[in-house]
C-alpha atoms as a PDB file:
ATOM      1  CA  UNK A   1     -60.780  10.709 -15.784  1.00  0.00           C
ATOM      2  CA  UNK A   2     -58.268   9.719 -18.450  1.00  0.00           C
ATOM      3  CA  UNK A   3     -58.194  12.118 -21.313  1.00  0.00           C
ATOM      4  CA  UNK A   4     -55.332  10.595 -23.431  1.00  0.00           C
ATOM      5  CA  UNK A   5     -55.583  10.406 -27.183  1.00  0.00           C
ATOM      6  CA  UNK A   6     -53.065   8.722 -29.360  1.00  0.00           C
ATOM      7  CA  UNK A   7     -52.724   9.375 -33.051  1.00  0.00           C
ATOM      8  CA  UNK A   8     -51.313   7.143 -35.781  1.00  0.00           C
ATOM      9  CA  UNK A   9     -51.611   8.118 -39.463  1.00  0.00           C
ATOM     10  CA  UNK A  10     -49.889   7.903 -42.799  1.00  0.00           C
ATOM     11  CA  UNK A  11     -50.024  11.720 -43.185  1.00  0.00           C
ATOM     12  CA  UNK A  12     -46.274  12.360 -42.779  1.00  0.00           C
ATOM     13  CA  UNK A  13     -44.967  15.598 -41.359  1.00  0.00           C
ATOM     14  CA  UNK A  14     -44.737  17.827 -44.414  1.00  0.00           C
ATOM     15  CA  UNK A  15     -48.288  18.959 -44.599  1.00  0.00           C
ATOM     16  CA  UNK A  16     -50.846  20.516 -42.226  1.00  0.00           C
ATOM     17  CA  UNK A  17     -52.959  17.365 -41.703  1.00  0.00           C
ATOM     18  CA  UNK A  18     -51.720  16.241 -38.347  1.00  0.00           C
ATOM     19  CA  UNK A  19     -51.656  19.763 -36.859  1.00  0.00           C
ATOM     20  CA  UNK A  20     -55.228  20.386 -37.993  1.00  0.00           C
ATOM     21  CA  UNK A  21     -56.435  17.139 -36.447  1.00  0.00           C
ATOM     22  CA  UNK A  22     -54.845  18.145 -33.172  1.00  0.00           C
ATOM     23  CA  UNK A  23     -56.439  21.513 -33.338  1.00  0.00           C
ATOM     24  CA  UNK A  24     -59.889  19.969 -33.798  1.00  0.00           C
ATOM     25  CA  UNK A  25     -59.317  17.689 -30.820  1.00  0.00           C
ATOM     26  CA  UNK A  26     -58.259  20.528 -28.577  1.00  0.00           C
ATOM     27  CA  UNK A  27     -61.119  22.728 -29.659  1.00  0.00           C
ATOM     28  CA  UNK A  28     -63.505  20.017 -28.456  1.00  0.00           C
ATOM     29  CA  UNK A  29     -61.432  18.863 -25.503  1.00  0.00           C
ATOM     30  CA  UNK A  30     -58.834  21.419 -24.339  1.00  0.00           C
ATOM     31  CA  UNK A  31     -57.664  19.041 -21.534  1.00  0.00           C
ATOM     32  CA  UNK A  32     -56.762  16.258 -23.884  1.00  0.00           C
ATOM     33  CA  UNK A  33     -53.244  14.903 -23.781  1.00  0.00           C
ATOM     34  CA  UNK A  34     -52.305  13.942 -27.345  1.00  0.00           C
ATOM     35  CA  UNK A  35     -49.595  11.363 -28.015  1.00  0.00           C
ATOM     36  CA  UNK A  36     -48.190  10.931 -31.515  1.00  0.00           C
ATOM     37  CA  UNK A  37     -47.350   7.277 -31.991  1.00  0.00           C
ATOM     38  CA  UNK A  38     -46.327   7.853 -35.584  1.00  0.00           C
ATOM     39  CA  UNK A  39     -47.334   9.693 -38.723  1.00  0.00           C
ATOM     40  CA  UNK A  40     -44.760   7.955 -40.863  1.00  0.00           C
ATOM     41  CA  UNK A  41     -46.770   4.853 -41.851  1.00  0.00           C
ATOM     42  CA  UNK A  42     -46.030   4.282 -45.578  1.00  0.00           C
ATOM     43  CA  UNK A  43     -49.009   5.720 -47.526  1.00  0.00           C
ATOM     44  CA  UNK A  44     -51.964   3.356 -47.419  1.00  0.00           C
ATOM     45  CA  UNK A  45     -49.938   0.546 -45.751  1.00  0.00           C
ATOM     46  CA  UNK A  46     -52.573  -0.866 -43.433  1.00  0.00           C
ATOM     47  CA  UNK A  47     -50.319  -3.794 -42.388  1.00  0.00           C
ATOM     48  CA  UNK A  48     -47.756  -1.442 -40.891  1.00  0.00           C
ATOM     49  CA  UNK A  49     -50.511   0.236 -38.870  1.00  0.00           C
ATOM     50  CA  UNK A  50     -51.751  -3.124 -37.590  1.00  0.00           C
ATOM     51  CA  UNK A  51     -48.325  -4.057 -36.364  1.00  0.00           C
ATOM     52  CA  UNK A  52     -47.493  -0.706 -34.705  1.00  0.00           C
ATOM     53  CA  UNK A  53     -50.891  -0.493 -33.055  1.00  0.00           C
ATOM     54  CA  UNK A  54     -50.367  -3.971 -31.614  1.00  0.00           C
ATOM     55  CA  UNK A  55     -46.981  -2.910 -30.307  1.00  0.00           C
ATOM     56  CA  UNK A  56     -48.049   0.373 -28.635  1.00  0.00           C
ATOM     57  CA  UNK A  57     -51.512   0.492 -27.119  1.00  0.00           C
ATOM     58  CA  UNK A  58     -50.761  -1.654 -24.060  1.00  0.00           C
ATOM     59  CA  UNK A  59     -48.400   1.046 -22.726  1.00  0.00           C
ATOM     60  CA  UNK A  60     -51.112   3.695 -22.392  1.00  0.00           C
ATOM     61  CA  UNK A  61     -53.339   4.434 -19.415  1.00  0.00           C
ATOM     62  CA  UNK A  62     -56.534   2.372 -19.224  1.00  0.00           C
ATOM     63  CA  UNK A  63     -59.370   3.703 -21.423  1.00  0.00           C
ATOM     64  CA  UNK A  64     -57.165   5.849 -23.588  1.00  0.00           C
ATOM     65  CA  UNK A  65     -58.548   6.657 -27.017  1.00  0.00           C
ATOM     66  CA  UNK A  66     -56.533   5.492 -29.983  1.00  0.00           C
ATOM     67  CA  UNK A  67     -57.182   7.116 -33.363  1.00  0.00           C
ATOM     68  CA  UNK A  68     -55.792   5.282 -36.365  1.00  0.00           C
ATOM     69  CA  UNK A  69     -56.141   6.961 -39.738  1.00  0.00           C
ATOM     70  CA  UNK A  70     -54.658   4.741 -42.443  1.00  0.00           C
ATOM     71  CA  UNK A  71     -57.623   4.893 -44.760  1.00  0.00           C
ATOM     72  CA  UNK A  72     -57.251   4.193 -48.437  1.00  0.00           C
ATOM     73  CA  UNK A  73     -61.021   4.150 -48.987  1.00  0.00           C
ATOM     74  CA  UNK A  74     -61.712   7.500 -47.309  1.00  0.00           C
ATOM     75  CA  UNK A  75     -64.914   9.027 -48.693  1.00  0.00           C
ATOM     76  CA  UNK A  76     -66.436   5.732 -49.737  1.00  0.00           C
ATOM     77  CA  UNK A  77     -69.213   3.756 -47.920  1.00  0.00           C
ATOM     78  CA  UNK A  78     -66.718   1.946 -45.676  1.00  0.00           C
ATOM     79  CA  UNK A  79     -67.652   2.298 -42.015  1.00  0.00           C
ATOM     80  CA  UNK A  80     -65.681   4.211 -39.366  1.00  0.00           C
ATOM     81  CA  UNK A  81     -65.897   2.210 -36.167  1.00  0.00           C
ATOM     82  CA  UNK A  82     -65.290   2.481 -32.440  1.00  0.00           C
ATOM     83  CA  UNK A  83     -63.944  -0.716 -30.939  1.00  0.00           C
ATOM     84  CA  UNK A  84     -64.321  -0.735 -27.130  1.00  0.00           C
ATOM     85  CA  UNK A  85     -62.157  -3.343 -25.383  1.00  0.00           C
ATOM     86  CA  UNK A  86     -61.676  -3.802 -21.640  1.00  0.00           C
ATOM     87  CA  UNK A  87     -58.526  -1.724 -21.984  1.00  0.00           C
ATOM     88  CA  UNK A  88     -59.155   1.013 -24.490  1.00  0.00           C
ATOM     89  CA  UNK A  89     -61.173   2.673 -27.204  1.00  0.00           C
ATOM     90  CA  UNK A  90     -60.085   2.523 -30.836  1.00  0.00           C
ATOM     91  CA  UNK A  91     -61.392   4.693 -33.669  1.00  0.00           C
ATOM     92  CA  UNK A  92     -60.488   3.494 -37.147  1.00  0.00           C
ATOM     93  CA  UNK A  93     -61.757   2.742 -40.580  1.00  0.00           C
ATOM     94  CA  UNK A  94     -63.241  -0.750 -40.830  1.00  0.00           C
ATOM     95  CA  UNK A  95     -60.542  -2.012 -43.143  1.00  0.00           C
ATOM     96  CA  UNK A  96     -58.875  -4.578 -41.000  1.00  0.00           C
ATOM     97  CA  UNK A  97     -56.427  -2.216 -39.296  1.00  0.00           C
ATOM     98  CA  UNK A  98     -57.693  -3.300 -35.866  1.00  0.00           C
ATOM     99  CA  UNK A  99     -57.297  -7.008 -36.574  1.00  0.00           C
ATOM    100  CA  UNK A 100     -54.310  -7.442 -34.187  1.00  0.00           C
ATOM    101  CA  UNK A 101     -56.123  -5.544 -31.426  1.00  0.00           C
ATOM    102  CA  UNK A 102     -59.234  -7.726 -31.677  1.00  0.00           C
ATOM    103  CA  UNK A 103     -57.422 -11.065 -32.218  1.00  0.00           C
ATOM    104  CA  UNK A 104     -57.421 -11.993 -28.480  1.00  0.00           C
ATOM    105  CA  UNK A 105     -61.225 -11.431 -28.425  1.00  0.00           C
ATOM    106  CA  UNK A 106     -62.229 -13.724 -31.234  1.00  0.00           C
ATOM    107  CA  UNK A 107     -62.641 -17.459 -30.957  1.00  0.00           C
ATOM    108  CA  UNK A 108     -61.381 -18.765 -34.276  1.00  0.00           C
ATOM    109  CA  UNK A 109     -58.970 -21.421 -35.487  1.00  0.00           C
ATOM    110  CA  UNK A 110     -55.509 -21.076 -36.951  1.00  0.00           C
ATOM    111  CA  UNK A 111     -56.862 -21.507 -40.486  1.00  0.00           C
ATOM    112  CA  UNK A 112     -59.827 -19.075 -40.219  1.00  0.00           C
ATOM    113  CA  UNK A 113     -60.349 -17.513 -43.681  1.00  0.00           C
ATOM    114  CA  UNK A 114     -63.443 -15.340 -43.316  1.00  0.00           C
ATOM    115  CA  UNK A 115     -63.224 -11.571 -43.816  1.00  0.00           C
ATOM    116  CA  UNK A 116     -65.323 -10.562 -40.801  1.00  0.00           C
ATOM    117  CA  UNK A 117     -65.405 -11.497 -37.131  1.00  0.00           C
ATOM    118  CA  UNK A 118     -67.750 -10.945 -34.191  1.00  0.00           C
ATOM    119  CA  UNK A 119     -65.727  -9.994 -31.132  1.00  0.00           C
ATOM    120  CA  UNK A 120     -66.695 -11.662 -27.850  1.00  0.00           C
ATOM    121  CA  UNK A 121     -68.762 -10.131 -25.081  1.00  0.00           C
ATOM    122  CA  UNK A 122     -65.801  -8.305 -23.562  1.00  0.00           C
ATOM    123  CA  UNK A 123     -65.827  -5.915 -26.496  1.00  0.00           C
ATOM    124  CA  UNK A 124     -68.432  -3.595 -28.091  1.00  0.00           C
ATOM    125  CA  UNK A 125     -68.426  -2.335 -31.577  1.00  0.00           C
ATOM    126  CA  UNK A 126     -70.036   0.832 -32.944  1.00  0.00           C
ATOM    127  CA  UNK A 127     -70.389   2.300 -36.491  1.00  0.00           C
ATOM    128  CA  UNK A 128     -70.217   6.084 -36.451  1.00  0.00           C
ATOM    129  CA  UNK A 129     -73.435   7.623 -37.915  1.00  0.00           C
ATOM    130  CA  UNK A 130     -74.346  10.573 -35.695  1.00  0.00           C
ATOM    131  CA  UNK A 131     -73.361  13.402 -37.937  1.00  0.00           C
ATOM    132  CA  UNK A 132     -74.262  16.118 -35.436  1.00  0.00           C
ATOM    133  CA  UNK A 133     -70.888  15.422 -33.768  1.00  0.00           C
ATOM    134  CA  UNK A 134     -68.895  15.830 -36.955  1.00  0.00           C
ATOM    135  CA  UNK A 135     -67.267  18.928 -38.419  1.00  0.00           C
ATOM    136  CA  UNK A 136     -69.498  20.271 -41.166  1.00  0.00           C
ATOM    137  CA  UNK A 137     -69.201  20.209 -44.090  1.00  0.00           C
ATOM    138  CA  UNK A 138     -67.433  16.832 -44.156  1.00  0.00           C
ATOM    139  CA  UNK A 139     -64.633  16.561 -46.677  1.00  0.00           C
ATOM    140  CA  UNK A 140     -64.608  13.381 -48.732  1.00  0.00           C
ATOM    141  CA  UNK A 141     -60.817  13.225 -48.371  1.00  0.00           C
ATOM    142  CA  UNK A 142     -60.150  14.228 -44.801  1.00  0.00           C
ATOM    143  CA  UNK A 143     -62.333  12.225 -42.439  1.00  0.00           C
ATOM    144  CA  UNK A 144     -59.423  12.402 -39.907  1.00  0.00           C
ATOM    145  CA  UNK A 145     -60.247  16.076 -39.378  1.00  0.00           C
ATOM    146  CA  UNK A 146     -64.055  16.028 -39.762  1.00  0.00           C
ATOM    147  CA  UNK A 147     -65.001  12.613 -38.138  1.00  0.00           C
ATOM    148  CA  UNK A 148     -62.195  10.877 -36.308  1.00  0.00           C
ATOM    149  CA  UNK A 149     -60.861  13.910 -34.439  1.00  0.00           C
ATOM    150  CA  UNK A 150     -64.086  15.402 -33.086  1.00  0.00           C
ATOM    151  CA  UNK A 151     -65.509  12.042 -32.051  1.00  0.00           C
ATOM    152  CA  UNK A 152     -62.175  11.058 -30.414  1.00  0.00           C
ATOM    153  CA  UNK A 153     -62.034  14.299 -28.472  1.00  0.00           C
ATOM    154  CA  UNK A 154     -65.451  13.882 -27.057  1.00  0.00           C
ATOM    155  CA  UNK A 155     -64.961  10.177 -26.325  1.00  0.00           C
ATOM    156  CA  UNK A 156     -61.800  11.019 -24.289  1.00  0.00           C
ATOM    157  CA  UNK A 157     -63.818  13.619 -22.443  1.00  0.00           C
ATOM    158  CA  UNK A 158     -66.090  10.979 -20.977  1.00  0.00           C
ATOM    159  CA  UNK A 159     -68.937  10.676 -23.458  1.00  0.00           C
ATOM    160  CA  UNK A 160     -70.179   7.202 -24.281  1.00  0.00           C
ATOM    161  CA  UNK A 161     -69.504   5.483 -27.588  1.00  0.00           C
ATOM    162  CA  UNK A 162     -73.271   4.880 -28.129  1.00  0.00           C
ATOM    163  CA  UNK A 163     -73.680   8.623 -28.486  1.00  0.00           C
ATOM    164  CA  UNK A 164     -71.713   8.549 -31.741  1.00  0.00           C
ATOM    165  CA  UNK A 165     -73.025   5.463 -33.551  1.00  0.00           C
ATOM    166  CA  UNK A 166     -75.103   2.352 -33.685  1.00  0.00           C
ATOM    167  CA  UNK A 167     -74.051  -0.993 -32.195  1.00  0.00           C
ATOM    168  CA  UNK A 168     -72.895  -3.477 -34.789  1.00  0.00           C
ATOM    169  CA  UNK A 169     -71.852  -7.127 -34.537  1.00  0.00           C
ATOM    170  CA  UNK A 170     -69.028  -7.689 -36.997  1.00  0.00           C
ATOM    171  CA  UNK A 171     -65.829  -5.949 -38.140  1.00  0.00           C
ATOM    172  CA  UNK A 172     -63.393  -6.632 -40.936  1.00  0.00           C
ATOM    173  CA  UNK A 173     -60.691  -9.157 -39.943  1.00  0.00           C
ATOM    174  CA  UNK A 174     -57.393  -9.388 -41.814  1.00  0.00           C
ATOM    175  CA  UNK A 175     -54.664 -10.215 -39.310  1.00  0.00           C
ATOM    176  CA  UNK A 176     -51.003 -10.252 -39.974  1.00  0.00           C
ATOM    177  CA  UNK A 177     -49.776 -13.709 -41.149  1.00  0.00           C
ATOM    178  CA  UNK A 178     -48.717 -16.210 -38.537  1.00  0.00           C
ATOM    179  CA  UNK A 179     -45.622 -18.270 -38.915  1.00  0.00           C
ATOM    180  CA  UNK A 180     -45.899 -21.834 -40.144  1.00  0.00           C
ATOM    181  CA  UNK A 181     -44.626 -24.191 -37.458  1.00  0.00           C
ATOM    182  CA  UNK A 182     -42.847 -27.450 -38.204  1.00  0.00           C
ATOM    183  CA  UNK A 183     -40.947 -29.972 -36.130  1.00  0.00           C
ATOM    184  CA  UNK A 184     -37.543 -28.705 -37.111  1.00  0.00           C
ATOM    185  CA  UNK A 185     -38.241 -25.264 -38.573  1.00  0.00           C
ATOM    186  CA  UNK A 186     -40.358 -22.227 -38.457  1.00  0.00           C
ATOM    187  CA  UNK A 187     -41.279 -20.440 -41.652  1.00  0.00           C
ATOM    188  CA  UNK A 188     -42.117 -16.723 -41.267  1.00  0.00           C
ATOM    189  CA  UNK A 189     -41.810 -13.411 -43.059  1.00  0.00           C
ATOM    190  CA  UNK A 190     -40.667  -9.897 -42.545  1.00  0.00           C
ATOM    191  CA  UNK A 191     -43.659  -7.783 -41.555  1.00  0.00           C
ATOM    192  CA  UNK A 192     -42.047  -4.458 -40.705  1.00  0.00           C
ATOM    193  CA  UNK A 193     -38.847  -2.485 -41.305  1.00  0.00           C
ATOM    194  CA  UNK A 194     -38.113   0.140 -38.697  1.00  0.00           C
ATOM    195  CA  UNK A 195     -36.311   3.472 -38.975  1.00  0.00           C
ATOM    196  CA  UNK A 196     -32.961   1.806 -38.332  1.00  0.00           C
ATOM    197  CA  UNK A 197     -33.466  -0.719 -41.122  1.00  0.00           C
ATOM    198  CA  UNK A 198     -34.007  -3.588 -38.736  1.00  0.00           C
ATOM    199  CA  UNK A 199     -35.985  -6.405 -40.355  1.00  0.00           C
ATOM    200  CA  UNK A 200     -38.779  -7.462 -38.018  1.00  0.00           C
ATOM    201  CA  UNK A 201     -40.435 -10.841 -38.533  1.00  0.00           C
ATOM    202  CA  UNK A 202     -43.736 -12.376 -37.538  1.00  0.00           C
ATOM    203  CA  UNK A 203     -41.861 -15.019 -35.531  1.00  0.00           C
ATOM    204  CA  UNK A 204     -42.557 -14.092 -31.910  1.00  0.00           C
ATOM    205  CA  UNK A 205     -40.222 -15.315 -29.190  1.00  0.00           C
ATOM    206  CA  UNK A 206     -42.900 -17.656 -27.796  1.00  0.00           C
ATOM    207  CA  UNK A 207     -42.576 -19.746 -31.012  1.00  0.00           C
ATOM    208  CA  UNK A 208     -38.784 -20.287 -30.702  1.00  0.00           C
ATOM    209  CA  UNK A 209     -37.339 -23.155 -28.672  1.00  0.00           C
ATOM    210  CA  UNK A 210     -34.775 -21.841 -26.227  1.00  0.00           C
ATOM    211  CA  UNK A 211     -32.912 -25.145 -25.709  1.00  0.00           C
ATOM    212  CA  UNK A 212     -32.103 -26.127 -29.329  1.00  0.00           C
ATOM    213  CA  UNK A 213     -29.338 -24.962 -31.600  1.00  0.00           C
ATOM    214  CA  UNK A 214     -30.645 -23.150 -34.663  1.00  0.00           C
ATOM    215  CA  UNK A 215     -29.767 -20.977 -37.590  1.00  0.00           C
ATOM    216  CA  UNK A 216     -31.749 -18.151 -39.255  1.00  0.00           C
ATOM    217  CA  UNK A 217     -31.978 -18.131 -43.045  1.00  0.00           C
ATOM    218  CA  UNK A 218     -33.113 -14.959 -44.875  1.00  0.00           C
ATOM    219  CA  UNK A 219     -32.672 -14.849 -48.609  1.00  0.00           C
ATOM    220  CA  UNK A 220     -29.151 -16.273 -48.619  1.00  0.00           C
ATOM    221  CA  UNK A 221     -28.193 -14.739 -45.316  1.00  0.00           C
ATOM    222  CA  UNK A 222     -27.429 -17.430 -42.702  1.00  0.00           C
ATOM    223  CA  UNK A 223     -27.061 -16.406 -39.026  1.00  0.00           C
ATOM    224  CA  UNK A 224     -26.050 -18.975 -36.387  1.00  0.00           C
ATOM    225  CA  UNK A 225     -28.198 -18.699 -33.280  1.00  0.00           C
ATOM    226  CA  UNK A 226     -29.960 -15.693 -31.673  1.00  0.00           C
ATOM    227  CA  UNK A 227     -28.023 -13.038 -29.764  1.00  0.00           C
ATOM    228  CA  UNK A 228     -29.074 -10.536 -27.117  1.00  0.00           C
ATOM    229  CA  UNK A 229     -27.866  -7.250 -28.528  1.00  0.00           C
ATOM    230  CA  UNK A 230     -26.948  -5.599 -31.759  1.00  0.00           C
ATOM    231  CA  UNK A 231     -23.371  -5.116 -30.570  1.00  0.00           C
ATOM    232  CA  UNK A 232     -22.380  -8.804 -30.517  1.00  0.00           C
ATOM    233  CA  UNK A 233     -18.745  -9.820 -30.476  1.00  0.00           C
ATOM    234  CA  UNK A 234     -17.065  -9.787 -33.923  1.00  0.00           C
ATOM    235  CA  UNK A 235     -20.213  -8.689 -35.683  1.00  0.00           C
ATOM    236  CA  UNK A 236     -19.555  -5.088 -36.709  1.00  0.00           C
ATOM    237  CA  UNK A 237     -20.992  -4.854 -40.184  1.00  0.00           C
ATOM    238  CA  UNK A 238     -22.389  -8.401 -40.046  1.00  0.00           C
ATOM    239  CA  UNK A 239     -25.989  -9.430 -39.768  1.00  0.00           C
ATOM    240  CA  UNK A 240     -27.240 -10.387 -36.305  1.00  0.00           C
ATOM    241  CA  UNK A 241     -30.407 -12.014 -35.107  1.00  0.00           C
ATOM    242  CA  UNK A 242     -32.119 -11.094 -31.849  1.00  0.00           C
ATOM    243  CA  UNK A 243     -35.454 -10.762 -30.112  1.00  0.00           C
ATOM    244  CA  UNK A 244     -36.201  -6.996 -30.249  1.00  0.00           C
ATOM    245  CA  UNK A 245     -38.329  -4.782 -28.116  1.00  0.00           C
ATOM    246  CA  UNK A 246     -41.455  -5.892 -29.956  1.00  0.00           C
ATOM    247  CA  UNK A 247     -40.730  -9.491 -28.719  1.00  0.00           C
ATOM    248  CA  UNK A 248     -40.315 -10.556 -32.373  1.00  0.00           C
ATOM    249  CA  UNK A 249     -37.304 -12.118 -34.060  1.00  0.00           C
ATOM    250  CA  UNK A 250     -35.497  -9.451 -36.080  1.00  0.00           C
ATOM    251  CA  UNK A 251     -32.403  -9.096 -38.189  1.00  0.00           C
ATOM    252  CA  UNK A 252     -30.149  -6.092 -37.846  1.00  0.00           C
ATOM    253  CA  UNK A 253     -26.579  -4.833 -38.376  1.00  0.00           C
ATOM    254  CA  UNK A 254     -24.548  -3.178 -35.665  1.00  0.00           C
ATOM    255  CA  UNK A 255     -24.091   0.464 -36.725  1.00  0.00           C
ATOM    256  CA  UNK A 256     -25.718  -0.399 -40.051  1.00  0.00           C
ATOM    257  CA  UNK A 257     -28.945  -0.743 -41.997  1.00  0.00           C
ATOM    258  CA  UNK A 258     -29.902  -4.401 -42.563  1.00  0.00           C
ATOM    259  CA  UNK A 259     -32.776  -3.626 -44.996  1.00  0.00           C
ATOM    260  CA  UNK A 260     -30.633  -1.444 -47.282  1.00  0.00           C
ATOM    261  CA  UNK A 261     -27.604  -3.688 -47.055  1.00  0.00           C
ATOM    262  CA  UNK A 262     -29.506  -6.821 -47.933  1.00  0.00           C
ATOM    263  CA  UNK A 263     -31.998  -5.041 -50.221  1.00  0.00           C
ATOM    264  CA  UNK A 264     -34.746  -6.814 -48.327  1.00  0.00           C
ATOM    265  CA  UNK A 265     -38.175  -5.430 -47.257  1.00  0.00           C
ATOM    266  CA  UNK A 266     -41.578  -6.468 -46.008  1.00  0.00           C
ATOM    267  CA  UNK A 267     -42.765  -9.816 -47.313  1.00  0.00           C
ATOM    268  CA  UNK A 268     -39.392 -11.469 -47.482  1.00  0.00           C
ATOM    269  CA  UNK A 269     -39.413 -15.063 -46.221  1.00  0.00           C
ATOM    270  CA  UNK A 270     -37.383 -15.931 -43.111  1.00  0.00           C
ATOM    271  CA  UNK A 271     -36.772 -19.463 -41.717  1.00  0.00           C
ATOM    272  CA  UNK A 272     -35.671 -20.669 -38.325  1.00  0.00           C
ATOM    273  CA  UNK A 273     -34.060 -24.011 -38.777  1.00  0.00           C
ATOM    274  CA  UNK A 274     -33.191 -26.256 -35.826  1.00  0.00           C
ATOM    275  CA  UNK A 275     -30.097 -28.492 -35.942  1.00  0.00           C
END
């Protein structure tokens, strides 16, 4: 039986929050293997959590439990949900943070604009409401400790999601923006800046034609064609474009920080223009 639990939060490393969550998990499930994906999400930045969840969960053993606590509305009447997919279990606030996970399981068009979706029959969705499994008393500001952690521990120990909540049909859906595709250009935006200052866009490699000359334009920065590595010939200190490990187009600087050098962050527009 898999007993792997991943954690992703915006708690940082200064305070006790992450350690206390792990202690609660191990008290309920001593055999659990806990993997920290990151605790350095910018505070309340749900979009960062969407992207990093999308980029990480496929590398875990099947039926791992992924706990995501980026929860600006903690303590309100927002739901905490379990999303069960064919591959994994996800425990998260119902605030759109699981939109990229559920995207393959919803049948909607490119221009879908509703705030909620009903995942297809391959998925099940539960709203946590069985308080007997929670730490008591429940803090209004630390549901990660009192709800997410104990439920995640028991779920990873083989208990069924239906023990912890009622079946529901819909969840909040707010996916990351898709690039706008044209005949001779792709219009995208920067959706994440990593620790190295690389500017990662929403333009995935599948959208880019491999047999056409192109240039990348990012707020006055023009880069001719896409390279394979950060260390490209004659580019020390210059901006380079490449397909990174996330399989997204990104802009970096060899031995430098592209975000700080260009003073560019998330939301900046980027264009792929074909010759």
